[in-house]
Amino acid sequence: MFVGFSASTGLLARSHYILGWSFNMSGEAQSLSLSSLPSLARPKQNHTVLILCVTFAAVVVIISIVFISFYLVRRFKGSDVIEAWELEIGPHRVYKGTLPSTNTQVAVKRISHESKQGLSEFVSEIATIGRFRHRNLVPLLGWCRCRGDLLIVYDYMPNGSLDKYLFDEPKRVLSWDERFKIIKGVASGLSYLHEEWEQTVIHRDIKADNVLSDSKLNRRLGDFGLAKLYEQGTNPSTTKVVSTLGYLAPELTKTGKPTMATDVFAFDALLLEVACWRRPIEPKALLEELILVDWVWEQSQSGVNGDFDEVEAIIVIKLGLMCSNNAPDARPTMRQVVQYLEGEVLLPEVVPSPGDMITKRVMEVAVPARIPPSLKILCIRIQIHHILTRLAHIRQPMKTGMWILKQVQQHLYRSPAVEMTDR
């Protein structure tokens, strides 16, 4: 006789337990006391699945952290931004890099080819700056197309753009000699573009942001994305007005034709920026700051450190008045500007253009003894330019404009020989 136990598990895993049994060959089996039976053993929990899930999740997290860290490090190293050009199509970024073969530092400008304007700017820069050879122009080293981006490679300018030395509390204040050298350098570069190269090049975007400094602090004009080429002696064609507000010549908004004279007008704005540490337009400036001559004078004097050449200052002042003449034909050429700055030709007397009452009245303004008359003229000319430009771009122009013009009258006619009554 055989005695045993059998069980079936079927398709699923199952556990069977014998807690007690009673067996008798010759009679009735002894009854079992259920209370004395041992308790049912709980099955051991299987942690294998949980362990696998936790391990897998930990591995995924670690790999993600490593990948993100590697990506951020590469991006940080590859995105050492020098400048950002804010144009209509969005910012074009410029990155610092090193050529492995020569260990030469370069600046790489990235332009998206998806924008028609970006492509136009790319072609313009390649067609112009690619063939220039001048000490005051940023040299182009090469270009390429990579992964849908258009790349232009320049010499690296380690000292950045000029605006960093003029505005927003610069760490290093430029002396008058340095500022005068900057003016002469930019003028020389523009003269080369206008008259000394095989074609006439109109830069169209002259401003402190586009004047860069190399390792020896030589100033070089760059960013030829808006430049236009013309054969010598030909008339420029009408084009879209795309320049920076405050540097636009008055005739450019009417004719839409960029000329050498419109570049001269923009150079005048740069000249005043360098001479007086003041932008052509200060959108965040208070109205009182736009009006007060004393404020402009104090700003123009800050950081001169006592080193101020009066003869050079007078040249800059007269050039500022000449280059901002309302009549394009009355403005000097950049070649003449260079000759004036180098002292090769004497500056003529400044003759106001027809209807230019500002310059006429500036000559008549009473001058405090502490301010040289020539510098007073420059300061008033600058503030009037700011006022009129601000007046054209403010809210409630009639209400605010009447207040501004009243202040202008008070300054223009503040002379013992002239009395002004309200009308």
Protein backbone atom coordinates (compact mmCIF):
# COMPACT_ATOMS: atom_id res chain seq x y z
CA MET A 1 0.00 0.00 0.00
CA PHE A 2 1.23 3.43 -0.86
CA VAL A 3 0.25 6.65 0.90
CA GLY A 4 1.09 10.07 -0.43
CA PHE A 5 -0.05 13.52 -1.55
CA SER A 6 -0.62 14.92 -5.00
CA ALA A 7 -1.43 18.38 -6.31
CA SER A 8 -1.67 20.20 -9.60
CA THR A 9 -0.41 23.72 -10.39
CA GLY A 10 -1.96 24.23 -13.79
CA LEU A 11 -0.68 27.20 -15.85
CA LEU A 12 0.09 29.41 -12.87
CA ALA A 13 2.61 29.02 -10.09
CA ARG A 14 0.99 27.76 -6.86
CA SER A 15 2.24 26.73 -3.40
CA HIS A 16 0.77 23.79 -1.42
CA TYR A 17 1.33 23.32 2.33
CA ILE A 18 0.52 20.30 4.62
CA LEU A 19 -0.09 21.66 8.08
CA GLY A 20 -1.09 18.32 9.66
CA TRP A 21 -2.38 14.85 8.84
CA SER A 22 -3.78 11.77 10.64
CA PHE A 23 -3.54 8.17 9.41
CA ASN A 24 -4.52 4.80 10.97
CA MET A 25 -4.31 1.34 9.35
CA SER A 26 -6.76 -0.48 11.66
CA GLY A 27 -9.45 1.93 12.61
CA GLU A 28 -10.68 5.49 12.62
CA ALA A 29 -8.02 8.05 12.25
CA GLN A 30 -7.45 10.43 15.10
CA SER A 31 -9.19 13.72 14.62
CA LEU A 32 -7.03 16.78 14.13
CA SER A 33 -7.11 19.73 16.48
CA LEU A 34 -7.25 22.72 14.19
CA SER A 35 -6.27 25.11 16.96
CA SER A 36 -3.02 23.28 17.49
CA LEU A 37 -2.04 23.33 13.84
CA PRO A 38 0.79 25.65 12.91
CA SER A 39 -0.14 28.89 11.14
CA LEU A 40 0.07 29.08 7.39
CA ALA A 41 3.49 30.21 6.29
CA ARG A 42 3.43 33.39 4.23
CA PRO A 43 5.12 33.13 0.86
CA LYS A 44 8.42 34.93 0.58
CA GLN A 45 8.13 38.16 -1.41
CA ASN A 46 9.91 38.10 -4.74
CA HIS A 47 11.91 41.35 -5.04
CA THR A 48 13.58 40.45 -8.32
CA VAL A 49 11.24 42.51 -10.49
CA LEU A 50 11.46 45.51 -8.18
CA ILE A 51 15.24 45.31 -8.08
CA LEU A 52 15.42 45.14 -11.87
CA CYS A 53 13.12 48.15 -12.28
CA VAL A 54 15.04 50.26 -9.78
CA THR A 55 18.37 49.28 -11.35
CA PHE A 56 17.14 50.11 -14.84
CA ALA A 57 15.78 53.48 -13.73
CA ALA A 58 19.05 54.33 -11.97
CA VAL A 59 21.07 53.45 -15.07
CA VAL A 60 18.81 55.62 -17.23
CA VAL A 61 19.16 58.57 -14.83
CA ILE A 62 22.95 58.24 -14.68
CA ILE A 63 23.26 58.03 -18.47
CA SER A 64 20.97 61.06 -18.84
CA ILE A 65 23.02 63.10 -16.37
CA VAL A 66 26.26 62.20 -18.14
CA PHE A 67 24.80 63.03 -21.55
CA ILE A 68 23.34 66.36 -20.42
CA SER A 69 26.58 67.34 -18.67
CA PHE A 70 28.62 66.49 -21.75
CA TYR A 71 26.22 68.47 -23.95
CA LEU A 72 26.29 71.53 -21.68
CA VAL A 73 30.09 71.48 -21.44
CA ARG A 74 30.42 71.29 -25.21
CA ARG A 75 27.87 74.02 -25.70
CA PHE A 76 29.56 76.26 -23.14
CA LYS A 77 32.95 75.78 -24.75
CA GLY A 78 31.59 76.22 -28.25
CA SER A 79 29.44 79.22 -27.41
CA ASP A 80 31.97 81.70 -26.13
CA VAL A 81 29.93 84.58 -27.51
CA ILE A 82 31.77 87.74 -28.52
CA GLU A 83 28.89 89.79 -29.89
CA ALA A 84 25.29 89.53 -30.93
CA TRP A 85 23.98 91.35 -33.98
CA GLU A 86 20.32 92.22 -33.48
CA LEU A 87 18.82 92.49 -36.94
CA GLU A 88 15.37 92.14 -38.39
CA ILE A 89 15.71 88.38 -38.84
CA GLY A 90 16.86 87.86 -35.25
CA PRO A 91 20.25 87.68 -33.58
CA HIS A 92 23.23 86.40 -35.54
CA ARG A 93 25.65 84.88 -33.07
CA VAL A 94 29.41 85.20 -33.26
CA TYR A 95 31.56 82.55 -31.60
CA LYS A 96 35.18 82.35 -30.62
CA GLY A 97 37.20 79.43 -31.99
CA THR A 98 40.71 78.19 -32.70
CA LEU A 99 42.07 76.81 -35.97
CA PRO A 100 43.81 73.51 -35.05
CA SER A 101 46.40 73.70 -37.82
CA THR A 102 47.79 77.13 -36.89
CA ASN A 103 46.42 77.58 -33.35
CA THR A 104 44.99 80.91 -34.55
CA GLN A 105 42.02 82.39 -32.73
CA VAL A 106 39.11 83.31 -35.01
CA ALA A 107 35.59 84.67 -34.76
CA VAL A 108 32.88 82.67 -36.54
CA LYS A 109 29.62 84.39 -37.46
CA ARG A 110 26.66 82.05 -37.93
CA ILE A 111 23.80 83.05 -40.23
CA SER A 112 20.72 80.96 -40.83
CA HIS A 113 20.27 80.24 -44.54
CA GLU A 114 16.50 79.87 -44.11
CA SER A 115 16.05 83.64 -44.09
CA LYS A 116 16.27 85.47 -47.40
CA GLN A 117 17.73 88.49 -45.65
CA GLY A 118 20.28 86.31 -43.88
CA LEU A 119 21.36 84.82 -47.20
CA SER A 120 21.53 88.32 -48.72
CA GLU A 121 23.74 89.53 -45.87
CA PHE A 122 25.97 86.47 -46.22
CA VAL A 123 26.49 87.10 -49.95
CA SER A 124 27.06 90.81 -49.31
CA GLU A 125 29.81 90.16 -46.76
CA ILE A 126 31.54 87.59 -48.96
CA ALA A 127 31.41 89.90 -51.99
CA THR A 128 32.79 92.90 -50.11
CA ILE A 129 34.97 92.24 -47.08
CA GLY A 130 36.42 89.09 -48.63
CA ARG A 131 38.60 91.19 -50.92
CA PHE A 132 39.45 94.10 -48.61
CA ARG A 133 42.97 94.67 -47.35
CA HIS A 134 43.04 97.62 -44.99
CA ARG A 135 44.38 98.07 -41.47
CA ASN A 136 41.09 99.61 -40.25
CA LEU A 137 38.75 96.94 -41.64
CA VAL A 138 38.08 93.54 -40.05
CA PRO A 139 39.72 90.93 -42.33
CA LEU A 140 37.74 87.92 -43.53
CA LEU A 141 39.54 84.56 -43.48
CA GLY A 142 36.96 82.29 -45.12
CA TRP A 143 33.42 80.99 -45.20
CA CYS A 144 31.50 77.72 -45.47
CA ARG A 145 28.08 76.12 -45.23
CA CYS A 146 27.60 73.58 -42.45
CA ARG A 147 24.42 71.77 -41.38
CA GLY A 148 22.10 74.39 -42.79
CA ASP A 149 24.06 77.33 -41.35
CA LEU A 150 26.19 79.84 -43.25
CA LEU A 151 29.47 80.52 -41.45
CA ILE A 152 31.84 83.44 -41.95
CA VAL A 153 35.30 83.32 -40.34
CA TYR A 154 37.08 86.54 -39.33
CA ASP A 155 40.19 87.47 -37.43
CA TYR A 156 39.40 87.38 -33.73
CA MET A 157 39.13 90.82 -32.12
CA PRO A 158 39.97 90.11 -28.46
CA ASN A 159 39.09 93.56 -27.14
CA GLY A 160 35.49 93.55 -28.33
CA SER A 161 33.43 96.37 -29.75
CA LEU A 162 33.84 100.08 -29.18
CA ASP A 163 30.50 100.57 -27.44
CA LYS A 164 31.82 98.62 -24.43
CA TYR A 165 34.42 101.36 -23.91
CA LEU A 166 31.96 104.24 -24.27
CA PHE A 167 28.68 103.31 -22.57
CA ASP A 168 27.27 101.49 -19.55
CA GLU A 169 30.06 102.35 -17.11
CA PRO A 170 33.09 100.93 -18.96
CA LYS A 171 35.83 99.34 -16.89
CA ARG A 172 38.48 101.24 -18.84
CA VAL A 173 38.07 104.90 -19.77
CA LEU A 174 39.54 105.93 -23.11
CA SER A 175 41.82 108.95 -23.14
CA TRP A 176 41.31 111.75 -25.64
CA ASP A 177 44.31 110.57 -27.68
CA GLU A 178 42.76 107.11 -27.95
CA ARG A 179 39.38 108.50 -28.94
CA PHE A 180 40.89 110.79 -31.57
CA LYS A 181 42.86 107.82 -32.95
CA ILE A 182 39.61 105.83 -33.19
CA ILE A 183 37.95 108.63 -35.16
CA LYS A 184 40.88 108.81 -37.58
CA GLY A 185 41.00 105.03 -38.00
CA VAL A 186 37.32 104.66 -38.84
CA ALA A 187 37.53 107.65 -41.19
CA SER A 188 40.48 106.06 -42.98
CA GLY A 189 38.60 102.76 -43.38
CA LEU A 190 35.53 104.51 -44.79
CA SER A 191 37.66 106.55 -47.18
CA TYR A 192 39.10 103.28 -48.50
CA LEU A 193 35.61 101.86 -49.01
CA HIS A 194 34.28 104.95 -50.76
CA GLU A 195 37.13 105.98 -53.04
CA GLU A 196 40.25 103.84 -52.77
CA TRP A 197 38.91 100.38 -53.63
CA GLU A 198 38.04 99.19 -57.14
CA GLN A 199 34.32 99.69 -56.43
CA THR A 200 32.40 102.09 -54.22
CA VAL A 201 31.20 100.37 -51.05
CA ILE A 202 28.43 101.93 -48.97
CA HIS A 203 28.62 100.43 -45.49
CA ARG A 204 25.11 101.51 -44.34
CA ASP A 205 25.55 100.43 -40.71
CA ILE A 206 28.25 102.59 -39.15
CA LYS A 207 28.00 102.63 -35.35
CA ALA A 208 30.10 101.96 -32.27
CA ASP A 209 28.84 98.36 -32.02
CA ASN A 210 30.47 97.59 -35.38
CA VAL A 211 33.89 99.05 -34.55
CA LEU A 212 36.04 96.22 -33.13
CA SER A 213 39.45 96.21 -31.43
CA ASP A 214 42.32 93.83 -32.10
CA SER A 215 44.98 92.78 -29.59
CA LYS A 216 46.89 96.06 -30.13
CA LEU A 217 43.73 98.17 -29.64
CA ASN A 218 43.63 99.09 -33.33
CA ARG A 219 40.05 99.88 -34.26
CA ARG A 220 38.58 98.07 -37.26
CA LEU A 221 35.22 98.59 -38.92
CA GLY A 222 33.24 95.38 -39.43
CA ASP A 223 29.79 93.87 -40.10
CA PHE A 224 29.26 94.40 -43.83
CA GLY A 225 25.94 92.55 -43.90
CA LEU A 226 24.11 95.66 -45.12
CA ALA A 227 26.85 96.94 -47.43
CA LYS A 228 26.15 97.76 -51.07
CA LEU A 229 28.57 97.70 -54.02
CA TYR A 230 28.49 100.24 -56.84
CA GLU A 231 30.77 100.90 -59.76
CA GLN A 232 32.77 104.09 -59.42
CA GLY A 233 30.80 107.06 -60.78
CA THR A 234 27.41 105.31 -60.99
CA ASN A 235 24.22 106.38 -59.21
CA PRO A 236 23.04 104.17 -56.35
CA SER A 237 19.75 102.36 -56.76
CA THR A 238 16.80 102.61 -54.41
CA THR A 239 16.87 99.99 -51.66
CA LYS A 240 15.08 99.14 -48.45
CA VAL A 241 15.98 101.48 -45.62
CA VAL A 242 17.62 99.20 -43.05
CA SER A 243 19.90 101.08 -40.72
CA THR A 244 20.06 101.94 -37.05
CA LEU A 245 17.82 104.71 -35.80
CA GLY A 246 19.86 107.80 -34.97
CA TYR A 247 22.35 107.21 -37.80
CA LEU A 248 19.89 107.73 -40.67
CA ALA A 249 20.55 110.70 -42.92
CA PRO A 250 17.38 112.78 -43.47
CA GLU A 251 17.42 112.27 -47.25
CA LEU A 252 17.68 108.48 -46.90
CA THR A 253 14.16 108.16 -45.53
CA LYS A 254 12.86 110.14 -48.52
CA THR A 255 14.82 108.69 -51.45
CA GLY A 256 15.75 105.26 -50.10
CA LYS A 257 19.13 105.58 -51.87
CA PRO A 258 22.20 104.92 -49.72
CA THR A 259 25.11 107.08 -50.83
CA MET A 260 28.55 108.06 -49.62
CA ALA A 261 26.89 111.14 -48.09
CA THR A 262 24.57 108.98 -45.98
CA ASP A 263 27.61 107.09 -44.69
CA VAL A 264 29.20 110.45 -43.85
CA PHE A 265 26.11 111.40 -41.84
CA ALA A 266 26.30 108.10 -39.92
CA PHE A 267 30.02 108.70 -39.33
CA ASP A 268 29.05 112.03 -37.76
CA ALA A 269 26.86 110.19 -35.24
CA LEU A 270 29.77 107.85 -34.44
CA LEU A 271 32.08 110.85 -34.14
CA LEU A 272 29.80 112.42 -31.53
CA GLU A 273 29.53 109.08 -29.70
CA VAL A 274 33.31 108.80 -29.40
CA ALA A 275 33.80 112.47 -28.50
CA CYS A 276 31.05 112.74 -25.88
CA TRP A 277 30.24 109.20 -24.64
CA ARG A 278 26.67 109.64 -25.77
CA ARG A 279 24.50 107.57 -28.10
CA PRO A 280 22.60 109.36 -30.85
CA ILE A 281 19.41 108.18 -29.15
CA GLU A 282 19.00 107.37 -25.46
CA PRO A 283 15.56 105.69 -25.32
CA LYS A 284 15.73 105.29 -21.53
CA ALA A 285 17.00 108.79 -20.83
CA LEU A 286 14.85 111.23 -18.90
CA LEU A 287 13.61 114.30 -20.71
CA GLU A 288 15.64 116.43 -18.30
CA GLU A 289 18.78 114.58 -19.40
CA LEU A 290 17.98 115.34 -23.03
CA ILE A 291 17.61 119.04 -22.31
CA LEU A 292 20.25 120.14 -19.81
CA VAL A 293 23.48 121.36 -21.39
CA ASP A 294 25.28 121.00 -18.08
CA TRP A 295 24.45 117.29 -17.98
CA VAL A 296 25.82 116.75 -21.50
CA TRP A 297 28.90 118.75 -20.63
CA GLU A 298 29.58 116.74 -17.48
CA GLN A 299 29.15 113.48 -19.39
CA SER A 300 31.47 114.63 -22.15
CA GLN A 301 34.10 115.63 -19.61
CA SER A 302 33.99 112.47 -17.50
CA GLY A 303 37.08 110.38 -17.95
CA VAL A 304 39.13 112.87 -19.96
CA ASN A 305 41.65 112.80 -17.10
CA GLY A 306 42.86 116.31 -17.91
CA ASP A 307 44.38 115.16 -21.20
CA PHE A 308 42.38 117.16 -23.74
CA ASP A 309 43.77 118.61 -26.97
CA GLU A 310 41.82 121.78 -27.74
CA VAL A 311 42.93 121.94 -31.39
CA GLU A 312 41.83 118.36 -32.05
CA ALA A 313 38.58 118.98 -30.17
CA ILE A 314 37.79 121.96 -32.40
CA ILE A 315 38.48 119.83 -35.48
CA VAL A 316 36.07 117.18 -34.20
CA ILE A 317 33.43 119.81 -33.41
CA LYS A 318 33.59 121.42 -36.84
CA LEU A 319 33.58 118.06 -38.57
CA GLY A 320 30.53 117.13 -36.53
CA LEU A 321 28.69 120.20 -37.79
CA MET A 322 29.86 119.69 -41.38
CA CYS A 323 29.06 115.98 -41.61
CA SER A 324 25.56 116.48 -40.18
CA ASN A 325 24.61 119.16 -42.69
CA ASN A 326 21.06 118.76 -43.94
CA ALA A 327 22.23 119.15 -47.54
CA PRO A 328 24.09 115.98 -48.69
CA ASP A 329 26.24 117.93 -51.18
CA ALA A 330 27.47 120.21 -48.40
CA ARG A 331 28.92 117.33 -46.40
CA PRO A 332 32.61 116.57 -46.88
CA THR A 333 33.75 113.31 -48.45
CA MET A 334 35.51 110.78 -46.25
CA ARG A 335 38.76 111.53 -48.07
CA GLN A 336 38.38 115.18 -47.07
CA VAL A 337 37.53 114.14 -43.51
CA VAL A 338 40.80 112.17 -43.32
CA GLN A 339 42.72 115.17 -44.65
CA TYR A 340 41.14 117.43 -42.03
CA LEU A 341 41.88 114.98 -39.21
CA GLU A 342 45.50 114.53 -40.33
CA GLY A 343 45.97 118.30 -40.55
CA GLU A 344 46.79 118.18 -44.26
CA VAL A 345 44.02 120.67 -45.08
CA LEU A 346 42.65 123.49 -42.94
CA LEU A 347 39.01 123.25 -41.99
CA PRO A 348 36.74 125.84 -43.60
CA GLU A 349 34.30 127.92 -41.62
CA VAL A 350 31.09 126.06 -40.86
CA VAL A 351 28.30 127.44 -43.03
CA PRO A 352 24.78 126.47 -41.93
CA SER A 353 22.66 124.86 -44.59
CA PRO A 354 19.55 126.71 -45.81
CA GLY A 355 16.86 126.52 -43.17
CA ASP A 356 19.25 125.13 -40.55
CA MET A 357 18.25 127.48 -37.75
CA ILE A 358 19.80 125.23 -35.12
CA THR A 359 23.38 125.88 -36.17
CA LYS A 360 22.69 129.59 -36.68
CA ARG A 361 21.21 130.00 -33.22
CA VAL A 362 23.90 127.82 -31.65
CA MET A 363 26.45 130.39 -32.80
CA GLU A 364 24.50 133.09 -30.93
CA VAL A 365 24.03 131.28 -27.63
CA ALA A 366 25.49 132.97 -24.58
CA VAL A 367 28.35 130.85 -23.24
CA PRO A 368 29.21 130.48 -19.53
CA ALA A 369 32.83 131.28 -18.76
CA ARG A 370 33.60 127.75 -17.55
CA ILE A 371 32.62 126.13 -20.87
CA PRO A 372 34.72 126.76 -24.01
CA PRO A 373 32.52 128.22 -26.79
CA SER A 374 33.51 125.53 -29.28
CA LEU A 375 32.52 122.72 -26.93
CA LYS A 376 29.30 124.53 -26.01
CA ILE A 377 28.35 124.40 -29.69
CA LEU A 378 28.98 120.67 -29.83
CA CYS A 379 26.98 120.00 -26.67
CA ILE A 380 23.98 122.01 -27.84
CA ARG A 381 24.12 120.45 -31.28
CA ILE A 382 24.09 116.99 -29.72
CA GLN A 383 21.18 117.70 -27.39
CA ILE A 384 19.07 119.27 -30.17
CA HIS A 385 19.70 116.21 -32.33
CA HIS A 386 18.57 114.00 -29.44
CA ILE A 387 15.51 116.12 -28.76
CA LEU A 388 14.25 116.17 -32.33
CA THR A 389 14.83 112.45 -32.78
CA ARG A 390 13.13 111.66 -29.47
CA LEU A 391 10.22 113.91 -30.45
CA ALA A 392 9.57 111.78 -33.52
CA HIS A 393 9.35 108.55 -31.50
CA ILE A 394 7.47 109.36 -28.30
CA ARG A 395 3.95 108.81 -27.14
CA GLN A 396 1.61 111.80 -27.03
CA PRO A 397 3.87 113.81 -29.35
CA MET A 398 1.73 116.96 -29.28
CA LYS A 399 1.61 117.29 -25.50
CA THR A 400 5.17 116.20 -24.81
CA GLY A 401 6.51 117.85 -27.95
CA MET A 402 5.24 121.29 -26.98
CA TRP A 403 7.03 120.99 -23.65
CA ILE A 404 10.26 119.87 -25.33
CA LEU A 405 10.18 122.62 -27.95
CA LYS A 406 9.62 125.21 -25.25
CA GLN A 407 12.76 123.97 -23.50
CA VAL A 408 14.64 124.06 -26.80
CA GLN A 409 13.63 127.67 -27.34
CA GLN A 410 14.85 128.59 -23.88
CA HIS A 411 18.30 127.17 -24.67
CA LEU A 412 18.57 128.40 -28.26
CA TYR A 413 17.55 131.93 -27.43
CA ARG A 414 19.31 132.27 -24.10
CA SER A 415 21.32 135.26 -25.28
CA PRO A 416 21.44 138.85 -23.94
CA ALA A 417 20.89 140.20 -27.45
CA VAL A 418 17.81 138.08 -28.19
CA GLU A 419 14.58 137.88 -26.21
CA MET A 420 11.92 135.26 -26.85
CA THR A 421 8.27 135.65 -25.93
CA ASP A 422 5.67 132.91 -25.82
CA ARG A 423 3.35 132.76 -28.79
